[in-house]
Amino acid sequence: MGSLCKVVDTLLLVAFLAAFLMAPLICAQTVLQETSFPEALIHLKQCYSDDFQDYLMAEKPHFFVALVWLELTFQWPLALLNIYGILACKSWFNTTCLIYGASVITSVSAVLGELIGSHKASEKLLQLYWVFMGAGVVAMLRGLVPQSSKTPIIGKRPAAGMGRKKRA
């Protein structure tokens, strides 16, 4: 079970890093003025929009804008905390991972409902959002599994006695 958790934690680390980078650099362009961003990021968002035929990014419906604000104000800080929690083997990681996963599942469900119901989404865009849904499910399930060890997934095991308090 311990090695499976390490594999899952590594996959989640990649997902959290992607969310940590994507939210402020790409998704934020949906809710903030594009003049706030460098031309390279605007071009990157446009390439994504064109390649995936993401009509939600182009049309900016109100529910989608609200979900992007949720992502920036709630999910993005949780992604940052989860990155730290995985790398430092923090005891609260399960809680933040569970909260993050539940939030992602909720918001992606709304987006998938729109994409499937509208029949306007490309197959590529649907596949991308199903990956987001899968990451949310894995994060939520990981939050329900107790941490089996304090061994970090990157780096060495902490030295024995380093976490003990000195007694007078």
N, C-alpha and C. Protein backbone atom coordinates (compact mmCIF):
# COMPACT_ATOMS: atom_id res chain seq x y z
N MET A 1 0.83 -1.19 0.00
CA MET A 1 0.00 0.00 0.00
C MET A 1 0.87 1.25 0.00
N GLY A 2 2.01 1.18 0.68
CA GLY A 2 2.90 2.34 0.77
C GLY A 2 3.45 2.76 -0.58
N SER A 3 3.83 1.78 -1.40
CA SER A 3 4.40 2.13 -2.71
C SER A 3 3.31 2.66 -3.65
N LEU A 4 2.08 2.15 -3.52
CA LEU A 4 0.98 2.67 -4.32
C LEU A 4 0.70 4.12 -3.95
N CYS A 5 0.76 4.43 -2.66
CA CYS A 5 0.56 5.82 -2.22
C CYS A 5 1.65 6.72 -2.78
N LYS A 6 2.87 6.23 -2.86
CA LYS A 6 3.97 7.02 -3.42
C LYS A 6 3.72 7.33 -4.89
N VAL A 7 3.24 6.34 -5.63
CA VAL A 7 2.93 6.54 -7.06
C VAL A 7 1.80 7.55 -7.20
N VAL A 8 0.74 7.38 -6.41
CA VAL A 8 -0.39 8.30 -6.45
C VAL A 8 0.06 9.71 -6.06
N ASP A 9 0.88 9.80 -5.01
CA ASP A 9 1.37 11.12 -4.58
C ASP A 9 2.21 11.78 -5.67
N THR A 10 2.99 11.00 -6.38
CA THR A 10 3.80 11.56 -7.48
C THR A 10 2.90 12.08 -8.60
N LEU A 11 1.87 11.30 -8.96
CA LEU A 11 0.92 11.76 -9.98
C LEU A 11 0.18 13.01 -9.52
N LEU A 12 -0.22 13.03 -8.25
CA LEU A 12 -0.90 14.20 -7.72
C LEU A 12 0.03 15.41 -7.68
N LEU A 13 1.29 15.19 -7.37
CA LEU A 13 2.25 16.29 -7.36
C LEU A 13 2.32 16.94 -8.75
N VAL A 14 2.34 16.13 -9.79
CA VAL A 14 2.35 16.66 -11.16
C VAL A 14 1.06 17.44 -11.43
N ALA A 15 -0.08 16.89 -11.00
CA ALA A 15 -1.37 17.57 -11.20
C ALA A 15 -1.42 18.88 -10.43
N PHE A 16 -0.93 18.88 -9.19
CA PHE A 16 -0.94 20.11 -8.39
C PHE A 16 0.00 21.16 -8.98
N LEU A 17 1.14 20.72 -9.49
CA LEU A 17 2.07 21.67 -10.14
C LEU A 17 1.43 22.26 -11.39
N ALA A 18 0.75 21.44 -12.16
CA ALA A 18 0.07 21.94 -13.37
C ALA A 18 -1.00 22.95 -12.99
N ALA A 19 -1.79 22.63 -11.97
CA ALA A 19 -2.85 23.56 -11.52
C ALA A 19 -2.23 24.83 -10.96
N PHE A 20 -1.13 24.69 -10.24
CA PHE A 20 -0.44 25.84 -9.66
C PHE A 20 0.05 26.81 -10.73
N LEU A 21 0.50 26.27 -11.86
CA LEU A 21 1.00 27.12 -12.94
C LEU A 21 -0.11 27.60 -13.87
N MET A 22 -1.06 26.71 -14.18
CA MET A 22 -2.09 27.03 -15.15
C MET A 22 -3.08 28.09 -14.66
N ALA A 23 -3.46 28.00 -13.39
CA ALA A 23 -4.50 28.91 -12.88
C ALA A 23 -4.11 30.39 -13.02
N PRO A 24 -2.96 30.81 -12.49
CA PRO A 24 -2.67 32.24 -12.59
C PRO A 24 -2.18 32.68 -13.98
N LEU A 25 -1.61 31.78 -14.75
CA LEU A 25 -1.03 32.16 -16.03
C LEU A 25 -2.01 32.08 -17.20
N ILE A 26 -2.90 31.09 -17.18
CA ILE A 26 -3.82 30.89 -18.30
C ILE A 26 -5.26 31.21 -17.89
N CYS A 27 -5.75 30.53 -16.87
CA CYS A 27 -7.16 30.69 -16.48
C CYS A 27 -7.48 32.10 -16.00
N ALA A 28 -6.54 32.75 -15.35
CA ALA A 28 -6.78 34.11 -14.85
C ALA A 28 -7.08 35.09 -15.98
N GLN A 29 -6.65 34.77 -17.18
CA GLN A 29 -6.94 35.66 -18.32
C GLN A 29 -8.44 35.71 -18.63
N THR A 30 -9.18 34.74 -18.12
CA THR A 30 -10.62 34.71 -18.32
C THR A 30 -11.31 35.79 -17.49
N VAL A 31 -10.74 36.10 -16.32
CA VAL A 31 -11.42 37.02 -15.40
C VAL A 31 -10.70 38.35 -15.24
N LEU A 32 -9.45 38.42 -15.63
CA LEU A 32 -8.70 39.67 -15.53
C LEU A 32 -8.44 40.23 -16.92
N GLN A 33 -8.13 41.50 -16.99
CA GLN A 33 -7.85 42.10 -18.29
C GLN A 33 -6.61 41.48 -18.91
N GLU A 34 -6.71 41.19 -20.18
CA GLU A 34 -5.58 40.56 -20.88
C GLU A 34 -4.37 41.47 -20.93
N THR A 35 -4.57 42.77 -20.79
CA THR A 35 -3.43 43.69 -20.81
C THR A 35 -2.53 43.50 -19.59
N SER A 36 -3.01 42.79 -18.58
CA SER A 36 -2.22 42.50 -17.38
C SER A 36 -1.18 41.41 -17.61
N PHE A 37 -1.28 40.72 -18.76
CA PHE A 37 -0.44 39.56 -19.01
C PHE A 37 0.54 39.82 -20.14
N PRO A 38 1.70 39.17 -20.08
CA PRO A 38 2.65 39.30 -21.20
C PRO A 38 2.07 38.70 -22.48
N GLU A 39 2.54 39.20 -23.59
CA GLU A 39 2.05 38.77 -24.90
C GLU A 39 2.22 37.26 -25.09
N ALA A 40 3.30 36.69 -24.56
CA ALA A 40 3.54 35.25 -24.71
C ALA A 40 2.44 34.43 -24.04
N LEU A 41 1.98 34.86 -22.87
CA LEU A 41 0.91 34.14 -22.16
C LEU A 41 -0.43 34.30 -22.88
N ILE A 42 -0.67 35.47 -23.42
CA ILE A 42 -1.91 35.69 -24.18
C ILE A 42 -1.92 34.77 -25.40
N HIS A 43 -0.77 34.67 -26.06
CA HIS A 43 -0.65 33.80 -27.23
C HIS A 43 -0.83 32.33 -26.82
N LEU A 44 -0.26 31.94 -25.69
CA LEU A 44 -0.40 30.56 -25.20
C LEU A 44 -1.86 30.21 -24.93
N LYS A 45 -2.58 31.13 -24.30
CA LYS A 45 -4.01 30.91 -24.04
C LYS A 45 -4.78 30.81 -25.36
N GLN A 46 -4.45 31.65 -26.31
CA GLN A 46 -5.13 31.62 -27.60
C GLN A 46 -4.85 30.31 -28.34
N CYS A 47 -3.62 29.85 -28.27
CA CYS A 47 -3.27 28.56 -28.89
C CYS A 47 -4.06 27.42 -28.25
N TYR A 48 -4.14 27.45 -26.92
CA TYR A 48 -4.93 26.43 -26.21
C TYR A 48 -6.39 26.50 -26.66
N SER A 49 -6.96 27.70 -26.65
CA SER A 49 -8.36 27.90 -27.02
C SER A 49 -8.64 27.39 -28.43
N ASP A 50 -7.74 27.69 -29.35
CA ASP A 50 -7.90 27.25 -30.74
C ASP A 50 -7.72 25.74 -30.87
N ASP A 51 -6.68 25.20 -30.23
CA ASP A 51 -6.36 23.79 -30.36
C ASP A 51 -7.46 22.90 -29.76
N PHE A 52 -7.98 23.29 -28.59
CA PHE A 52 -9.00 22.49 -27.91
C PHE A 52 -10.42 22.95 -28.24
N GLN A 53 -10.55 24.02 -29.02
CA GLN A 53 -11.85 24.61 -29.35
C GLN A 53 -12.66 24.87 -28.08
N ASP A 54 -12.00 25.52 -27.13
CA ASP A 54 -12.61 25.81 -25.82
C ASP A 54 -13.48 27.06 -25.93
N TYR A 55 -14.73 26.84 -26.22
CA TYR A 55 -15.65 27.97 -26.39
C TYR A 55 -15.95 28.66 -25.06
N LEU A 56 -15.77 27.97 -23.95
CA LEU A 56 -16.02 28.60 -22.64
C LEU A 56 -15.00 29.71 -22.37
N MET A 57 -13.76 29.48 -22.74
CA MET A 57 -12.73 30.51 -22.57
C MET A 57 -13.02 31.71 -23.47
N ALA A 58 -13.57 31.45 -24.64
CA ALA A 58 -13.84 32.53 -25.59
C ALA A 58 -15.12 33.29 -25.23
N GLU A 59 -16.18 32.56 -24.91
CA GLU A 59 -17.48 33.19 -24.65
C GLU A 59 -17.62 33.73 -23.23
N LYS A 60 -16.89 33.15 -22.29
CA LYS A 60 -16.89 33.55 -20.88
C LYS A 60 -18.29 33.64 -20.27
N PRO A 61 -19.04 32.52 -20.27
CA PRO A 61 -20.35 32.55 -19.61
C PRO A 61 -20.18 32.81 -18.11
N HIS A 62 -21.20 33.37 -17.50
CA HIS A 62 -21.10 33.80 -16.10
C HIS A 62 -20.74 32.66 -15.15
N PHE A 63 -21.32 31.48 -15.34
CA PHE A 63 -21.00 30.38 -14.44
C PHE A 63 -19.53 29.98 -14.55
N PHE A 64 -19.00 30.05 -15.76
CA PHE A 64 -17.60 29.68 -15.98
C PHE A 64 -16.66 30.70 -15.33
N VAL A 65 -17.00 31.97 -15.45
CA VAL A 65 -16.21 33.02 -14.80
C VAL A 65 -16.21 32.81 -13.29
N ALA A 66 -17.37 32.46 -12.73
CA ALA A 66 -17.45 32.20 -11.29
C ALA A 66 -16.58 31.00 -10.90
N LEU A 67 -16.56 29.96 -11.74
CA LEU A 67 -15.73 28.80 -11.45
C LEU A 67 -14.24 29.13 -11.54
N VAL A 68 -13.88 30.02 -12.45
CA VAL A 68 -12.47 30.44 -12.53
C VAL A 68 -12.09 31.22 -11.28
N TRP A 69 -12.99 32.07 -10.79
CA TRP A 69 -12.72 32.78 -9.53
C TRP A 69 -12.56 31.78 -8.39
N LEU A 70 -13.39 30.74 -8.36
CA LEU A 70 -13.25 29.69 -7.35
C LEU A 70 -11.88 29.03 -7.45
N GLU A 71 -11.48 28.75 -8.67
CA GLU A 71 -10.18 28.12 -8.90
C GLU A 71 -9.04 29.02 -8.39
N LEU A 72 -9.12 30.30 -8.69
CA LEU A 72 -8.04 31.22 -8.31
C LEU A 72 -8.00 31.50 -6.81
N THR A 73 -9.16 31.61 -6.18
CA THR A 73 -9.19 32.02 -4.78
C THR A 73 -9.20 30.86 -3.80
N PHE A 74 -9.63 29.69 -4.23
CA PHE A 74 -9.76 28.55 -3.32
C PHE A 74 -8.88 27.38 -3.73
N GLN A 75 -9.01 26.93 -4.98
CA GLN A 75 -8.27 25.74 -5.41
C GLN A 75 -6.79 26.01 -5.60
N TRP A 76 -6.44 27.19 -6.09
CA TRP A 76 -5.02 27.49 -6.32
C TRP A 76 -4.22 27.48 -5.02
N PRO A 77 -4.70 28.16 -3.95
CA PRO A 77 -3.95 28.06 -2.69
C PRO A 77 -3.88 26.63 -2.14
N LEU A 78 -4.96 25.86 -2.34
CA LEU A 78 -4.93 24.47 -1.89
C LEU A 78 -3.91 23.65 -2.70
N ALA A 79 -3.79 23.93 -3.98
CA ALA A 79 -2.78 23.24 -4.79
C ALA A 79 -1.39 23.54 -4.25
N LEU A 80 -1.15 24.80 -3.91
CA LEU A 80 0.15 25.19 -3.34
C LEU A 80 0.38 24.47 -2.01
N LEU A 81 -0.62 24.45 -1.15
CA LEU A 81 -0.49 23.74 0.12
C LEU A 81 -0.24 22.25 -0.09
N ASN A 82 -0.93 21.67 -1.07
CA ASN A 82 -0.75 20.24 -1.33
C ASN A 82 0.64 19.92 -1.87
N ILE A 83 1.19 20.80 -2.67
CA ILE A 83 2.56 20.60 -3.14
C ILE A 83 3.51 20.56 -1.95
N TYR A 84 3.36 21.54 -1.08
CA TYR A 84 4.19 21.58 0.14
C TYR A 84 3.91 20.36 1.03
N GLY A 85 2.63 20.02 1.18
CA GLY A 85 2.26 18.90 2.03
C GLY A 85 2.83 17.58 1.55
N ILE A 86 2.85 17.36 0.24
CA ILE A 86 3.45 16.13 -0.30
C ILE A 86 4.95 16.12 -0.07
N LEU A 87 5.61 17.21 -0.44
CA LEU A 87 7.07 17.25 -0.36
C LEU A 87 7.58 17.20 1.07
N ALA A 88 6.85 17.78 2.01
CA ALA A 88 7.29 17.82 3.40
C ALA A 88 6.61 16.76 4.27
N CYS A 89 5.81 15.91 3.68
CA CYS A 89 5.09 14.85 4.42
C CYS A 89 4.32 15.41 5.60
N LYS A 90 3.52 16.41 5.36
CA LYS A 90 2.75 17.05 6.43
C LYS A 90 1.52 16.20 6.78
N SER A 91 1.19 16.17 8.06
CA SER A 91 0.07 15.36 8.53
C SER A 91 -1.28 15.88 8.02
N TRP A 92 -1.37 17.17 7.70
CA TRP A 92 -2.62 17.76 7.24
C TRP A 92 -2.84 17.57 5.74
N PHE A 93 -1.90 16.96 5.05
CA PHE A 93 -2.02 16.78 3.60
C PHE A 93 -3.31 16.06 3.21
N ASN A 94 -3.69 15.03 3.95
CA ASN A 94 -4.92 14.29 3.61
C ASN A 94 -6.13 15.22 3.62
N THR A 95 -6.20 16.09 4.60
CA THR A 95 -7.35 16.99 4.71
C THR A 95 -7.40 17.96 3.53
N THR A 96 -6.28 18.61 3.23
CA THR A 96 -6.27 19.57 2.12
C THR A 96 -6.47 18.87 0.78
N CYS A 97 -5.97 17.67 0.66
CA CYS A 97 -6.14 16.90 -0.58
C CYS A 97 -7.61 16.53 -0.77
N LEU A 98 -8.27 16.12 0.30
CA LEU A 98 -9.69 15.78 0.24
C LEU A 98 -10.52 17.00 -0.14
N ILE A 99 -10.24 18.13 0.48
CA ILE A 99 -10.98 19.36 0.18
C ILE A 99 -10.75 19.78 -1.28
N TYR A 100 -9.50 19.74 -1.72
CA TYR A 100 -9.17 20.10 -3.09
C TYR A 100 -9.91 19.19 -4.07
N GLY A 101 -9.86 17.88 -3.83
CA GLY A 101 -10.50 16.93 -4.73
C GLY A 101 -12.00 17.14 -4.81
N ALA A 102 -12.65 17.37 -3.67
CA ALA A 102 -14.09 17.60 -3.67
C ALA A 102 -14.45 18.88 -4.42
N SER A 103 -13.64 19.92 -4.27
CA SER A 103 -13.88 21.17 -4.96
C SER A 103 -13.70 21.02 -6.47
N VAL A 104 -12.66 20.32 -6.88
CA VAL A 104 -12.41 20.11 -8.31
C VAL A 104 -13.54 19.28 -8.93
N ILE A 105 -13.95 18.22 -8.25
CA ILE A 105 -15.03 17.38 -8.77
C ILE A 105 -16.30 18.22 -8.95
N THR A 106 -16.59 19.06 -7.98
CA THR A 106 -17.80 19.89 -8.06
C THR A 106 -17.74 20.85 -9.23
N SER A 107 -16.63 21.56 -9.38
CA SER A 107 -16.55 22.55 -10.45
C SER A 107 -16.44 21.90 -11.83
N VAL A 108 -15.70 20.81 -11.94
CA VAL A 108 -15.57 20.14 -13.24
C VAL A 108 -16.91 19.48 -13.64
N SER A 109 -17.69 19.04 -12.65
CA SER A 109 -19.01 18.48 -12.97
C SER A 109 -19.88 19.52 -13.66
N ALA A 110 -19.84 20.75 -13.17
CA ALA A 110 -20.63 21.82 -13.79
C ALA A 110 -20.15 22.09 -15.22
N VAL A 111 -18.84 22.10 -15.41
CA VAL A 111 -18.29 22.36 -16.74
C VAL A 111 -18.61 21.20 -17.69
N LEU A 112 -18.44 19.97 -17.22
CA LEU A 112 -18.76 18.82 -18.07
C LEU A 112 -20.25 18.78 -18.41
N GLY A 113 -21.09 19.16 -17.47
CA GLY A 113 -22.52 19.23 -17.77
C GLY A 113 -22.81 20.19 -18.91
N GLU A 114 -22.16 21.33 -18.90
CA GLU A 114 -22.31 22.31 -19.99
C GLU A 114 -21.74 21.76 -21.29
N LEU A 115 -20.54 21.21 -21.23
CA LEU A 115 -19.88 20.72 -22.45
C LEU A 115 -20.67 19.60 -23.11
N ILE A 116 -21.15 18.66 -22.31
CA ILE A 116 -21.89 17.53 -22.86
C ILE A 116 -23.28 17.98 -23.31
N GLY A 117 -23.94 18.79 -22.50
CA GLY A 117 -25.29 19.23 -22.80
C GLY A 117 -25.39 20.15 -24.00
N SER A 118 -24.36 20.95 -24.23
CA SER A 118 -24.42 21.92 -25.33
C SER A 118 -24.09 21.30 -26.68
N HIS A 119 -23.41 20.17 -26.67
CA HIS A 119 -22.97 19.51 -27.91
C HIS A 119 -22.05 20.40 -28.73
N LYS A 120 -21.44 21.39 -28.08
CA LYS A 120 -20.52 22.29 -28.79
C LYS A 120 -19.05 21.94 -28.54
N ALA A 121 -18.80 21.06 -27.59
CA ALA A 121 -17.42 20.76 -27.20
C ALA A 121 -16.76 19.78 -28.16
N SER A 122 -15.49 20.02 -28.40
CA SER A 122 -14.71 19.08 -29.20
C SER A 122 -14.38 17.85 -28.35
N GLU A 123 -14.08 16.77 -29.00
CA GLU A 123 -13.71 15.54 -28.29
C GLU A 123 -12.44 15.77 -27.46
N LYS A 124 -11.53 16.54 -28.01
CA LYS A 124 -10.28 16.85 -27.31
C LYS A 124 -10.54 17.63 -26.02
N LEU A 125 -11.46 18.58 -26.05
CA LEU A 125 -11.81 19.36 -24.87
C LEU A 125 -12.48 18.48 -23.82
N LEU A 126 -13.38 17.61 -24.25
CA LEU A 126 -14.03 16.69 -23.31
C LEU A 126 -13.00 15.78 -22.65
N GLN A 127 -12.07 15.27 -23.43
CA GLN A 127 -11.03 14.40 -22.86
C GLN A 127 -10.20 15.15 -21.82
N LEU A 128 -9.89 16.40 -22.10
CA LEU A 128 -9.12 17.20 -21.14
C LEU A 128 -9.87 17.36 -19.83
N TYR A 129 -11.16 17.68 -19.91
CA TYR A 129 -11.94 17.86 -18.68
C TYR A 129 -12.18 16.54 -17.95
N TRP A 130 -12.22 15.42 -18.67
CA TRP A 130 -12.31 14.13 -17.99
C TRP A 130 -11.02 13.84 -17.23
N VAL A 131 -9.89 14.29 -17.75
CA VAL A 131 -8.62 14.15 -17.02
C VAL A 131 -8.67 14.98 -15.74
N PHE A 132 -9.19 16.21 -15.83
CA PHE A 132 -9.34 17.04 -14.63
C PHE A 132 -10.25 16.35 -13.61
N MET A 133 -11.33 15.75 -14.09
CA MET A 133 -12.24 15.04 -13.20
C MET A 133 -11.53 13.87 -12.53
N GLY A 134 -10.75 13.13 -13.31
CA GLY A 134 -9.99 12.01 -12.76
C GLY A 134 -9.01 12.45 -11.69
N ALA A 135 -8.34 13.58 -11.94
CA ALA A 135 -7.40 14.11 -10.95
C ALA A 135 -8.13 14.49 -9.67
N GLY A 136 -9.32 15.07 -9.80
CA GLY A 136 -10.12 15.42 -8.63
C GLY A 136 -10.54 14.19 -7.84
N VAL A 137 -10.96 13.15 -8.55
CA VAL A 137 -11.36 11.90 -7.88
C VAL A 137 -10.17 11.28 -7.16
N VAL A 138 -9.02 11.23 -7.83
CA VAL A 138 -7.82 10.66 -7.21
C VAL A 138 -7.41 11.48 -5.98
N ALA A 139 -7.47 12.80 -6.09
CA ALA A 139 -7.12 13.66 -4.95
C ALA A 139 -8.08 13.41 -3.78
N MET A 140 -9.36 13.31 -4.08
CA MET A 140 -10.32 13.08 -3.00
C MET A 140 -10.11 11.71 -2.35
N LEU A 141 -9.90 10.69 -3.17
CA LEU A 141 -9.66 9.36 -2.61
C LEU A 141 -8.36 9.32 -1.82
N ARG A 142 -7.34 10.02 -2.30
CA ARG A 142 -6.07 10.07 -1.57
C ARG A 142 -6.26 10.75 -0.22
N GLY A 143 -7.15 11.71 -0.16
CA GLY A 143 -7.43 12.37 1.09
C GLY A 143 -8.10 11.47 2.11
N LEU A 144 -8.74 10.41 1.64
CA LEU A 144 -9.41 9.46 2.54
C LEU A 144 -8.49 8.36 3.04
N VAL A 145 -7.30 8.22 2.43
CA VAL A 145 -6.36 7.18 2.82
C VAL A 145 -5.37 7.76 3.83
N PRO A 146 -5.21 7.09 4.97
CA PRO A 146 -4.25 7.62 5.95
C PRO A 146 -2.82 7.53 5.43
N GLN A 147 -1.99 8.47 5.87
CA GLN A 147 -0.58 8.43 5.47
C GLN A 147 0.08 7.26 6.14
N SER A 148 0.77 6.45 5.35
CA SER A 148 1.38 5.24 5.89
C SER A 148 2.79 5.47 6.41
N SER A 149 3.48 6.49 5.90
CA SER A 149 4.84 6.73 6.37
C SER A 149 5.16 8.21 6.27
N LYS A 150 6.26 8.56 6.87
CA LYS A 150 6.73 9.94 6.83
C LYS A 150 7.86 10.10 5.82
N THR A 151 8.04 9.12 4.95
CA THR A 151 9.11 9.17 3.96
C THR A 151 8.70 10.07 2.81
N PRO A 152 9.48 11.12 2.54
CA PRO A 152 9.13 12.01 1.43
C PRO A 152 9.28 11.29 0.09
N ILE A 153 8.49 11.71 -0.90
CA ILE A 153 8.60 11.07 -2.21
C ILE A 153 9.83 11.56 -2.96
N ILE A 154 10.37 12.71 -2.54
CA ILE A 154 11.58 13.24 -3.14
C ILE A 154 12.57 13.49 -2.00
N GLY A 155 13.78 13.05 -2.18
CA GLY A 155 14.79 13.30 -1.16
C GLY A 155 14.95 12.13 -0.21
N LYS A 156 15.71 12.38 0.85
CA LYS A 156 16.04 11.34 1.80
C LYS A 156 15.08 11.35 2.97
N ARG A 157 15.10 10.26 3.70
CA ARG A 157 14.33 10.14 4.92
C ARG A 157 14.92 11.10 5.96
N PRO A 158 14.08 11.79 6.75
CA PRO A 158 14.60 12.69 7.77
C PRO A 158 15.47 11.93 8.77
N ALA A 159 16.51 12.58 9.25
CA ALA A 159 17.41 11.97 10.22
C ALA A 159 16.66 11.68 11.51
N ALA A 160 17.03 10.56 12.14
CA ALA A 160 16.38 10.17 13.40
C ALA A 160 16.69 11.20 14.47
N GLY A 161 15.69 11.54 15.23
CA GLY A 161 15.89 12.46 16.34
C GLY A 161 15.80 13.92 15.98
N MET A 162 15.69 14.25 14.70
CA MET A 162 15.67 15.65 14.30
C MET A 162 14.36 16.34 14.68
N GLY A 163 13.27 15.57 14.81
CA GLY A 163 11.99 16.16 15.10
C GLY A 163 11.68 16.20 16.58
N ARG A 164 12.61 15.71 17.42
CA ARG A 164 12.35 15.64 18.86
C ARG A 164 12.66 16.97 19.53
N LYS A 165 11.90 17.25 20.57
CA LYS A 165 12.16 18.44 21.37
C LYS A 165 13.22 18.10 22.41
N LYS A 166 14.05 19.07 22.72
CA LYS A 166 15.06 18.87 23.76
C LYS A 166 14.39 18.99 25.11
N ARG A 167 14.81 18.15 26.00
CA ARG A 167 14.30 18.22 27.36
C ARG A 167 15.34 18.85 28.27
N ALA A 168 14.85 19.63 29.18
CA ALA A 168 15.78 20.32 30.09
C ALA A 168 16.19 19.43 31.23
